[in-house]
N, C-alpha and C. Protein backbone atom coordinates (compact mmCIF):
# COMPACT_ATOMS: atom_id res chain seq x y z
N UNK A 1 -3.28 -20.79 60.12
CA UNK A 1 -3.42 -19.49 59.49
C UNK A 1 -2.07 -18.93 59.06
N UNK A 2 -1.04 -19.11 59.91
CA UNK A 2 0.29 -18.59 59.59
C UNK A 2 0.85 -19.25 58.34
N UNK A 3 0.68 -20.57 58.22
CA UNK A 3 1.18 -21.27 57.04
C UNK A 3 0.49 -20.76 55.78
N UNK A 4 -0.79 -20.48 55.86
CA UNK A 4 -1.53 -19.95 54.72
C UNK A 4 -0.98 -18.59 54.31
N UNK A 5 -0.68 -17.73 55.26
CA UNK A 5 -0.12 -16.41 54.97
C UNK A 5 1.28 -16.54 54.36
N UNK A 6 2.08 -17.46 54.88
CA UNK A 6 3.42 -17.69 54.32
C UNK A 6 3.33 -18.20 52.89
N UNK A 7 2.39 -19.09 52.64
CA UNK A 7 2.21 -19.62 51.29
C UNK A 7 1.78 -18.52 50.33
N UNK A 8 0.84 -17.68 50.75
CA UNK A 8 0.40 -16.57 49.90
C UNK A 8 1.54 -15.59 49.64
N UNK A 9 2.34 -15.32 50.66
CA UNK A 9 3.49 -14.42 50.50
C UNK A 9 4.49 -15.02 49.50
N UNK A 10 4.74 -16.33 49.59
CA UNK A 10 5.66 -16.99 48.66
C UNK A 10 5.15 -16.86 47.22
N UNK A 11 3.86 -17.04 47.02
CA UNK A 11 3.28 -16.91 45.67
C UNK A 11 3.46 -15.49 45.15
N UNK A 12 3.24 -14.49 46.00
CA UNK A 12 3.43 -13.10 45.58
C UNK A 12 4.89 -12.83 45.23
N UNK A 13 5.82 -13.35 46.04
CA UNK A 13 7.24 -13.18 45.74
C UNK A 13 7.60 -13.87 44.43
N UNK A 14 7.07 -15.06 44.20
CA UNK A 14 7.34 -15.78 42.95
C UNK A 14 6.80 -15.02 41.75
N UNK A 15 5.61 -14.46 41.87
CA UNK A 15 5.04 -13.68 40.77
C UNK A 15 5.93 -12.47 40.45
N UNK A 16 6.44 -11.81 41.47
CA UNK A 16 7.33 -10.66 41.24
C UNK A 16 8.64 -11.08 40.59
N UNK A 17 9.18 -12.23 40.99
CA UNK A 17 10.41 -12.73 40.35
C UNK A 17 10.16 -13.07 38.89
N UNK A 18 9.00 -13.60 38.57
CA UNK A 18 8.67 -13.92 37.18
C UNK A 18 8.50 -12.64 36.37
N UNK A 19 7.88 -11.62 36.94
CA UNK A 19 7.79 -10.32 36.25
C UNK A 19 9.19 -9.76 36.01
N UNK A 20 10.08 -9.90 36.99
CA UNK A 20 11.46 -9.43 36.83
C UNK A 20 12.17 -10.22 35.72
N UNK A 21 11.92 -11.54 35.64
CA UNK A 21 12.48 -12.36 34.56
C UNK A 21 12.02 -11.82 33.20
N UNK A 22 10.74 -11.53 33.08
CA UNK A 22 10.21 -11.00 31.81
C UNK A 22 10.87 -9.67 31.45
N UNK A 23 11.03 -8.79 32.44
CA UNK A 23 11.66 -7.49 32.19
C UNK A 23 13.13 -7.66 31.82
N UNK A 24 13.83 -8.53 32.53
CA UNK A 24 15.24 -8.81 32.24
C UNK A 24 15.39 -9.34 30.83
N UNK A 25 14.50 -10.22 30.44
CA UNK A 25 14.49 -10.75 29.07
C UNK A 25 14.47 -9.59 28.06
N UNK A 26 13.56 -8.64 28.25
CA UNK A 26 13.45 -7.51 27.31
C UNK A 26 14.74 -6.71 27.26
N UNK A 27 15.30 -6.39 28.43
CA UNK A 27 16.53 -5.61 28.46
C UNK A 27 17.67 -6.34 27.75
N UNK A 28 17.83 -7.63 28.01
CA UNK A 28 18.93 -8.39 27.41
C UNK A 28 18.76 -8.52 25.90
N UNK A 29 17.54 -8.78 25.43
CA UNK A 29 17.31 -8.85 23.98
C UNK A 29 17.60 -7.50 23.35
N UNK A 30 17.05 -6.44 23.94
CA UNK A 30 17.21 -5.10 23.36
C UNK A 30 18.66 -4.63 23.37
N UNK A 31 19.43 -5.06 24.39
CA UNK A 31 20.85 -4.69 24.48
C UNK A 31 21.75 -5.61 23.65
N UNK A 32 21.17 -6.63 23.02
CA UNK A 32 21.95 -7.56 22.21
C UNK A 32 22.83 -8.49 23.02
N UNK A 33 22.50 -8.70 24.27
CA UNK A 33 23.29 -9.56 25.16
C UNK A 33 22.70 -10.98 25.14
N UNK A 34 22.77 -11.60 23.97
CA UNK A 34 22.08 -12.86 23.72
C UNK A 34 22.68 -14.04 24.48
N UNK A 35 23.99 -14.09 24.61
CA UNK A 35 24.61 -15.19 25.37
C UNK A 35 24.14 -15.16 26.83
N UNK A 36 24.17 -13.96 27.42
CA UNK A 36 23.70 -13.80 28.80
C UNK A 36 22.22 -14.12 28.91
N UNK A 37 21.44 -13.70 27.92
CA UNK A 37 20.01 -13.98 27.89
C UNK A 37 19.74 -15.48 28.00
N UNK A 38 20.38 -16.23 27.13
CA UNK A 38 20.13 -17.68 27.09
C UNK A 38 20.63 -18.35 28.37
N UNK A 39 21.80 -17.94 28.85
CA UNK A 39 22.38 -18.57 30.04
C UNK A 39 21.59 -18.28 31.31
N UNK A 40 21.00 -17.09 31.41
CA UNK A 40 20.35 -16.71 32.67
C UNK A 40 18.83 -16.78 32.66
N UNK A 41 18.23 -16.81 31.49
CA UNK A 41 16.77 -16.74 31.43
C UNK A 41 16.08 -18.03 30.99
N UNK A 42 16.82 -18.99 30.43
CA UNK A 42 16.19 -20.20 29.89
C UNK A 42 16.74 -21.45 30.56
N UNK A 43 15.86 -22.45 30.72
CA UNK A 43 16.28 -23.75 31.22
C UNK A 43 17.09 -24.46 30.13
N UNK A 44 17.80 -25.50 30.51
CA UNK A 44 18.61 -26.26 29.55
C UNK A 44 17.75 -26.85 28.42
N UNK A 45 16.52 -27.25 28.76
CA UNK A 45 15.64 -27.90 27.78
C UNK A 45 14.56 -26.95 27.26
N UNK A 46 14.82 -25.66 27.31
CA UNK A 46 13.82 -24.66 26.92
C UNK A 46 13.37 -24.83 25.48
N UNK A 47 12.14 -24.40 25.22
CA UNK A 47 11.56 -24.38 23.88
C UNK A 47 11.05 -22.97 23.63
N UNK A 48 11.39 -22.41 22.47
CA UNK A 48 10.87 -21.11 22.03
C UNK A 48 10.10 -21.32 20.74
N UNK A 49 8.93 -20.72 20.65
CA UNK A 49 8.04 -20.86 19.51
C UNK A 49 7.57 -19.47 19.11
N UNK A 50 8.13 -18.93 18.03
CA UNK A 50 7.80 -17.58 17.58
C UNK A 50 7.11 -17.67 16.22
N UNK A 51 5.86 -17.21 16.15
CA UNK A 51 5.12 -17.22 14.90
C UNK A 51 3.89 -16.33 15.02
N UNK A 52 3.28 -16.04 13.89
CA UNK A 52 2.04 -15.27 13.89
C UNK A 52 0.88 -16.23 14.11
N UNK A 53 -0.13 -15.82 14.87
CA UNK A 53 -1.26 -16.71 15.13
C UNK A 53 -2.02 -17.12 13.87
N UNK A 54 -2.00 -16.28 12.84
CA UNK A 54 -2.74 -16.61 11.63
C UNK A 54 -1.92 -17.43 10.64
N UNK A 55 -0.67 -17.74 10.99
CA UNK A 55 0.17 -18.57 10.14
C UNK A 55 0.84 -17.85 9.00
N UNK A 56 0.70 -16.51 8.92
CA UNK A 56 1.28 -15.79 7.79
C UNK A 56 2.78 -15.55 7.94
N UNK A 57 3.30 -15.71 9.15
CA UNK A 57 4.73 -15.53 9.36
C UNK A 57 5.39 -16.89 9.50
N UNK A 58 6.56 -17.04 8.90
CA UNK A 58 7.30 -18.29 9.01
C UNK A 58 7.57 -18.58 10.49
N UNK A 59 7.23 -19.78 10.96
CA UNK A 59 7.48 -20.09 12.38
C UNK A 59 8.96 -20.34 12.64
N UNK A 60 9.38 -19.97 13.83
CA UNK A 60 10.74 -20.22 14.31
C UNK A 60 10.59 -21.03 15.59
N UNK A 61 10.93 -22.31 15.55
CA UNK A 61 10.83 -23.18 16.70
C UNK A 61 12.23 -23.60 17.11
N UNK A 62 12.57 -23.38 18.37
CA UNK A 62 13.89 -23.73 18.90
C UNK A 62 13.71 -24.64 20.10
N UNK A 63 14.49 -25.73 20.13
CA UNK A 63 14.42 -26.69 21.24
C UNK A 63 15.80 -26.85 21.84
N UNK A 64 15.91 -26.61 23.14
CA UNK A 64 17.19 -26.73 23.83
C UNK A 64 18.01 -25.46 23.69
N UNK A 65 18.94 -25.28 24.61
CA UNK A 65 19.69 -24.03 24.66
C UNK A 65 20.49 -23.72 23.40
N UNK A 66 21.04 -24.73 22.74
CA UNK A 66 21.83 -24.47 21.53
C UNK A 66 20.96 -23.85 20.44
N UNK A 67 19.78 -24.41 20.21
CA UNK A 67 18.88 -23.85 19.19
C UNK A 67 18.33 -22.50 19.62
N UNK A 68 18.00 -22.36 20.91
CA UNK A 68 17.51 -21.08 21.43
C UNK A 68 18.58 -20.01 21.24
N UNK A 69 19.83 -20.36 21.57
CA UNK A 69 20.95 -19.41 21.39
C UNK A 69 21.08 -19.02 19.91
N UNK A 70 20.98 -19.98 19.01
CA UNK A 70 21.07 -19.69 17.59
C UNK A 70 19.95 -18.75 17.15
N UNK A 71 18.75 -18.98 17.63
CA UNK A 71 17.62 -18.12 17.28
C UNK A 71 17.91 -16.67 17.68
N UNK A 72 18.36 -16.47 18.92
CA UNK A 72 18.58 -15.10 19.41
C UNK A 72 19.84 -14.45 18.84
N UNK A 73 20.86 -15.24 18.51
CA UNK A 73 22.09 -14.64 18.00
C UNK A 73 22.09 -14.49 16.48
N UNK A 74 21.34 -15.33 15.77
CA UNK A 74 21.35 -15.28 14.30
C UNK A 74 20.05 -14.75 13.70
N UNK A 75 18.93 -15.28 14.13
CA UNK A 75 17.65 -14.94 13.50
C UNK A 75 17.17 -13.55 13.92
N UNK A 76 17.10 -13.28 15.21
CA UNK A 76 16.56 -12.00 15.67
C UNK A 76 17.30 -10.81 15.06
N UNK A 77 18.66 -10.75 15.11
CA UNK A 77 19.34 -9.59 14.52
C UNK A 77 19.21 -9.51 13.00
N UNK A 78 18.90 -10.63 12.34
CA UNK A 78 18.72 -10.58 10.88
C UNK A 78 17.37 -10.00 10.49
N UNK A 79 16.46 -9.88 11.45
CA UNK A 79 15.13 -9.37 11.17
C UNK A 79 14.92 -7.98 11.78
N UNK A 80 15.34 -7.80 13.04
CA UNK A 80 15.10 -6.54 13.74
C UNK A 80 16.39 -6.00 14.34
N UNK A 81 16.56 -4.69 14.27
CA UNK A 81 17.72 -4.01 14.88
C UNK A 81 17.20 -2.87 15.75
N UNK A 82 18.03 -2.41 16.66
CA UNK A 82 17.70 -1.26 17.52
C UNK A 82 16.35 -1.44 18.20
N UNK A 83 16.11 -2.63 18.69
CA UNK A 83 14.81 -2.94 19.28
C UNK A 83 14.71 -2.42 20.71
N UNK A 84 13.52 -1.95 21.02
CA UNK A 84 13.12 -1.64 22.38
C UNK A 84 11.75 -2.25 22.56
N UNK A 85 11.63 -3.17 23.52
CA UNK A 85 10.30 -3.72 23.72
C UNK A 85 9.97 -3.82 25.20
N UNK A 86 8.68 -3.78 25.46
CA UNK A 86 8.17 -3.79 26.82
C UNK A 86 7.10 -4.86 26.95
N UNK A 87 6.88 -5.28 28.18
CA UNK A 87 5.82 -6.24 28.48
C UNK A 87 4.87 -5.63 29.50
N UNK A 88 3.60 -6.04 29.41
CA UNK A 88 2.60 -5.53 30.35
C UNK A 88 1.38 -6.44 30.39
N UNK A 89 0.46 -6.14 31.27
CA UNK A 89 -0.75 -6.94 31.50
C UNK A 89 -0.38 -8.38 31.88
N UNK A 90 0.40 -8.50 32.92
CA UNK A 90 0.90 -9.80 33.38
C UNK A 90 -0.22 -10.64 34.01
N UNK A 91 -0.30 -11.89 33.57
CA UNK A 91 -1.14 -12.89 34.23
C UNK A 91 -0.23 -14.07 34.53
N UNK A 92 -0.15 -14.45 35.80
CA UNK A 92 0.78 -15.50 36.23
C UNK A 92 0.08 -16.41 37.23
N UNK A 93 0.22 -17.72 37.02
CA UNK A 93 -0.27 -18.71 37.96
C UNK A 93 0.91 -19.53 38.44
N UNK A 94 1.12 -19.56 39.76
CA UNK A 94 2.23 -20.28 40.35
C UNK A 94 1.70 -21.55 41.01
N UNK A 95 2.40 -22.65 40.76
CA UNK A 95 2.05 -23.93 41.38
C UNK A 95 3.35 -24.62 41.80
N UNK A 96 3.79 -24.34 43.03
CA UNK A 96 5.02 -24.94 43.53
C UNK A 96 6.22 -24.42 42.77
N UNK A 97 6.97 -25.35 42.15
CA UNK A 97 8.18 -25.00 41.41
C UNK A 97 7.95 -24.79 39.92
N UNK A 98 6.69 -24.71 39.51
CA UNK A 98 6.39 -24.39 38.12
C UNK A 98 5.32 -23.30 38.09
N UNK A 99 5.27 -22.63 36.97
CA UNK A 99 4.31 -21.54 36.82
C UNK A 99 4.01 -21.38 35.34
N UNK A 100 2.94 -20.67 35.05
CA UNK A 100 2.58 -20.35 33.67
C UNK A 100 1.97 -18.97 33.65
N UNK A 101 1.92 -18.41 32.46
CA UNK A 101 1.31 -17.09 32.35
C UNK A 101 1.43 -16.53 30.96
N UNK A 102 0.86 -15.35 30.81
CA UNK A 102 0.97 -14.64 29.55
C UNK A 102 1.01 -13.14 29.83
N UNK A 103 1.46 -12.41 28.82
CA UNK A 103 1.52 -10.95 28.89
C UNK A 103 1.60 -10.42 27.47
N UNK A 104 1.23 -9.18 27.32
CA UNK A 104 1.38 -8.52 26.02
C UNK A 104 2.77 -7.92 25.90
N UNK A 105 3.24 -7.79 24.65
CA UNK A 105 4.47 -7.04 24.40
C UNK A 105 4.23 -6.05 23.27
N UNK A 106 4.98 -4.97 23.32
CA UNK A 106 4.99 -3.98 22.25
C UNK A 106 6.44 -3.69 21.95
N UNK A 107 6.72 -3.36 20.68
CA UNK A 107 8.11 -3.09 20.31
C UNK A 107 8.21 -2.00 19.28
N UNK A 108 9.35 -1.35 19.31
CA UNK A 108 9.79 -0.47 18.22
C UNK A 108 11.16 -0.99 17.83
N UNK A 109 11.48 -0.88 16.55
CA UNK A 109 12.76 -1.40 16.05
C UNK A 109 12.98 -0.86 14.65
N UNK A 110 14.06 -1.32 14.03
CA UNK A 110 14.32 -1.07 12.62
C UNK A 110 14.30 -2.40 11.90
N UNK A 111 13.66 -2.43 10.74
CA UNK A 111 13.66 -3.61 9.90
C UNK A 111 15.09 -3.80 9.39
N UNK A 112 15.70 -4.92 9.69
CA UNK A 112 17.10 -5.15 9.31
C UNK A 112 17.30 -5.15 7.81
N UNK A 113 16.28 -5.52 7.04
CA UNK A 113 16.45 -5.59 5.58
C UNK A 113 16.26 -4.24 4.89
N UNK A 114 15.46 -3.34 5.48
CA UNK A 114 15.18 -2.06 4.82
C UNK A 114 15.67 -0.85 5.61
N UNK A 115 15.90 -1.03 6.89
CA UNK A 115 16.28 0.10 7.74
C UNK A 115 15.11 0.94 8.19
N UNK A 116 13.89 0.62 7.74
CA UNK A 116 12.71 1.39 8.12
C UNK A 116 12.35 1.14 9.59
N UNK A 117 11.82 2.19 10.22
CA UNK A 117 11.31 2.05 11.58
C UNK A 117 10.05 1.21 11.55
N UNK A 118 9.93 0.31 12.54
CA UNK A 118 8.77 -0.56 12.63
C UNK A 118 8.19 -0.53 14.04
N UNK A 119 6.94 -0.91 14.13
CA UNK A 119 6.27 -1.11 15.41
C UNK A 119 5.68 -2.51 15.38
N UNK A 120 5.50 -3.08 16.56
CA UNK A 120 4.92 -4.41 16.64
C UNK A 120 4.27 -4.65 17.98
N UNK A 121 3.48 -5.70 18.03
CA UNK A 121 2.82 -6.09 19.27
C UNK A 121 2.46 -7.57 19.19
N UNK A 122 2.26 -8.14 20.35
CA UNK A 122 1.86 -9.54 20.42
C UNK A 122 1.68 -9.97 21.86
N UNK A 123 1.65 -11.28 22.04
CA UNK A 123 1.46 -11.87 23.36
C UNK A 123 2.52 -12.95 23.57
N UNK A 124 3.16 -12.93 24.72
CA UNK A 124 4.02 -14.03 25.15
C UNK A 124 3.18 -14.98 25.98
N UNK A 125 3.28 -16.27 25.69
CA UNK A 125 2.64 -17.31 26.47
C UNK A 125 3.78 -18.18 27.01
N UNK A 126 3.88 -18.27 28.33
CA UNK A 126 5.07 -18.84 28.95
C UNK A 126 4.75 -19.94 29.95
N UNK A 127 5.75 -20.84 30.11
CA UNK A 127 5.81 -21.76 31.24
C UNK A 127 7.18 -21.54 31.88
N UNK A 128 7.21 -21.59 33.20
CA UNK A 128 8.42 -21.30 33.96
C UNK A 128 8.74 -22.47 34.88
N UNK A 129 10.01 -22.54 35.23
CA UNK A 129 10.47 -23.52 36.20
C UNK A 129 11.38 -22.81 37.20
N UNK A 130 11.19 -23.14 38.47
CA UNK A 130 12.06 -22.60 39.50
C UNK A 130 13.42 -23.28 39.37
N UNK A 131 14.48 -22.48 39.32
CA UNK A 131 15.85 -22.98 39.25
C UNK A 131 16.59 -22.27 40.38
N UNK A 132 17.00 -23.01 41.39
CA UNK A 132 17.62 -22.39 42.56
C UNK A 132 16.60 -21.49 43.24
N UNK A 133 16.99 -20.25 43.45
CA UNK A 133 16.04 -19.32 44.09
C UNK A 133 15.38 -18.38 43.08
N UNK A 134 15.54 -18.69 41.78
CA UNK A 134 14.94 -17.85 40.74
C UNK A 134 14.07 -18.65 39.80
N UNK A 135 13.65 -18.00 38.75
CA UNK A 135 12.78 -18.62 37.74
C UNK A 135 13.41 -18.48 36.36
N UNK A 136 13.12 -19.45 35.49
CA UNK A 136 13.58 -19.41 34.10
C UNK A 136 12.45 -19.85 33.19
N UNK A 137 12.57 -19.43 31.94
CA UNK A 137 11.61 -19.88 30.94
C UNK A 137 11.92 -21.33 30.58
N UNK A 138 10.90 -22.19 30.60
CA UNK A 138 11.07 -23.52 30.02
C UNK A 138 10.33 -23.59 28.69
N UNK A 139 9.41 -22.67 28.48
CA UNK A 139 8.69 -22.55 27.21
C UNK A 139 8.30 -21.10 27.03
N UNK A 140 8.61 -20.54 25.87
CA UNK A 140 8.21 -19.16 25.54
C UNK A 140 7.65 -19.18 24.14
N UNK A 141 6.38 -18.81 24.03
CA UNK A 141 5.71 -18.72 22.74
C UNK A 141 5.39 -17.25 22.51
N UNK A 142 5.77 -16.74 21.35
CA UNK A 142 5.43 -15.37 20.97
C UNK A 142 4.38 -15.44 19.89
N UNK A 143 3.18 -14.98 20.21
CA UNK A 143 2.12 -14.83 19.23
C UNK A 143 2.22 -13.40 18.72
N UNK A 144 2.79 -13.22 17.56
CA UNK A 144 3.04 -11.89 17.03
C UNK A 144 1.80 -11.41 16.28
N UNK A 145 1.19 -10.35 16.79
CA UNK A 145 -0.01 -9.80 16.16
C UNK A 145 0.35 -9.03 14.90
N UNK A 146 1.40 -8.23 14.97
CA UNK A 146 1.87 -7.49 13.80
C UNK A 146 3.27 -6.95 14.06
N UNK A 147 4.02 -6.78 12.99
CA UNK A 147 5.25 -5.99 12.94
C UNK A 147 5.21 -5.33 11.58
N UNK A 148 5.13 -4.01 11.58
CA UNK A 148 4.94 -3.30 10.32
C UNK A 148 5.67 -1.97 10.34
N UNK A 149 5.89 -1.40 9.17
CA UNK A 149 6.56 -0.11 9.06
C UNK A 149 5.76 0.95 9.81
N UNK A 150 6.45 1.73 10.61
CA UNK A 150 5.81 2.78 11.39
C UNK A 150 5.02 3.73 10.49
N UNK A 151 5.56 4.07 9.34
CA UNK A 151 4.91 5.01 8.42
C UNK A 151 3.59 4.46 7.88
N UNK A 152 3.48 3.14 7.79
CA UNK A 152 2.26 2.53 7.26
C UNK A 152 1.18 2.36 8.31
N UNK A 153 1.58 2.27 9.57
CA UNK A 153 0.60 2.04 10.63
C UNK A 153 0.33 0.56 10.81
N UNK A 154 -0.06 0.21 12.00
CA UNK A 154 -0.19 -1.21 12.34
C UNK A 154 -1.35 -1.89 11.67
N UNK A 155 -2.37 -1.18 11.23
CA UNK A 155 -3.54 -1.86 10.68
C UNK A 155 -3.48 -2.08 9.17
N UNK A 156 -2.52 -1.46 8.47
CA UNK A 156 -2.49 -1.57 7.02
C UNK A 156 -1.76 -2.82 6.53
N UNK A 157 -0.61 -3.09 7.08
CA UNK A 157 0.15 -4.28 6.68
C UNK A 157 0.60 -4.97 7.96
N UNK A 158 0.19 -6.20 8.12
CA UNK A 158 0.36 -6.88 9.39
C UNK A 158 1.77 -7.42 9.65
N UNK A 159 2.57 -7.72 8.63
CA UNK A 159 3.88 -8.31 8.86
C UNK A 159 4.90 -7.78 7.88
N UNK A 160 6.13 -7.67 8.33
CA UNK A 160 7.23 -7.26 7.47
C UNK A 160 7.40 -8.28 6.35
N UNK A 161 7.80 -7.86 5.17
CA UNK A 161 8.05 -8.82 4.09
C UNK A 161 9.07 -9.88 4.50
N UNK A 162 10.08 -9.49 5.26
CA UNK A 162 11.12 -10.46 5.64
C UNK A 162 10.58 -11.53 6.58
N UNK A 163 9.52 -11.23 7.34
CA UNK A 163 8.94 -12.23 8.22
C UNK A 163 7.97 -13.12 7.49
N UNK A 164 7.13 -12.54 6.64
CA UNK A 164 6.11 -13.33 5.99
C UNK A 164 6.64 -14.16 4.83
N UNK A 165 7.83 -13.83 4.33
CA UNK A 165 8.41 -14.62 3.23
C UNK A 165 9.61 -15.43 3.68
N UNK A 166 9.84 -15.49 4.99
CA UNK A 166 10.99 -16.25 5.48
C UNK A 166 12.31 -15.61 5.13
N UNK A 167 12.31 -14.27 4.96
CA UNK A 167 13.54 -13.56 4.64
C UNK A 167 13.77 -13.39 3.15
N UNK A 168 12.92 -14.00 2.31
CA UNK A 168 13.06 -13.88 0.86
C UNK A 168 12.35 -12.62 0.40
N UNK A 169 13.04 -11.79 -0.34
CA UNK A 169 12.44 -10.55 -0.85
C UNK A 169 12.01 -10.70 -2.28
């Protein structure tokens, strides 16, 4: 019985550490601390996959820390500025030194190409790996439901022109 309680406690602690990883990710992205983000939140062989589920947004696929770093230092600031985003509705399954889960995200930002205020939402789908006494992303997929001008509202235009045209205006 004691081993079962210890195992359940470990799973609860792991789930909380993964939630903390997700929150730290948001703070580091929003603060523009991309080098620290990649070094502390992603495994060496991490994969990031950012695209719209309906295929209307150009996909951004990064494999390994160098490509992941390039995505966060070059691509993200070229599309969104002054971002604040949050995560919620966490679902996490822990299995030893690996875990998986998903959560919703919401964001406010400025469109880097127009300066207009935007809102957005989507779902992160993740796989994690225990590294030392913490957790890191080994796979992060962002299913972006919409990013649109705040003045237009989220239901009128689903994606910024810069996202749906690959940055071509």
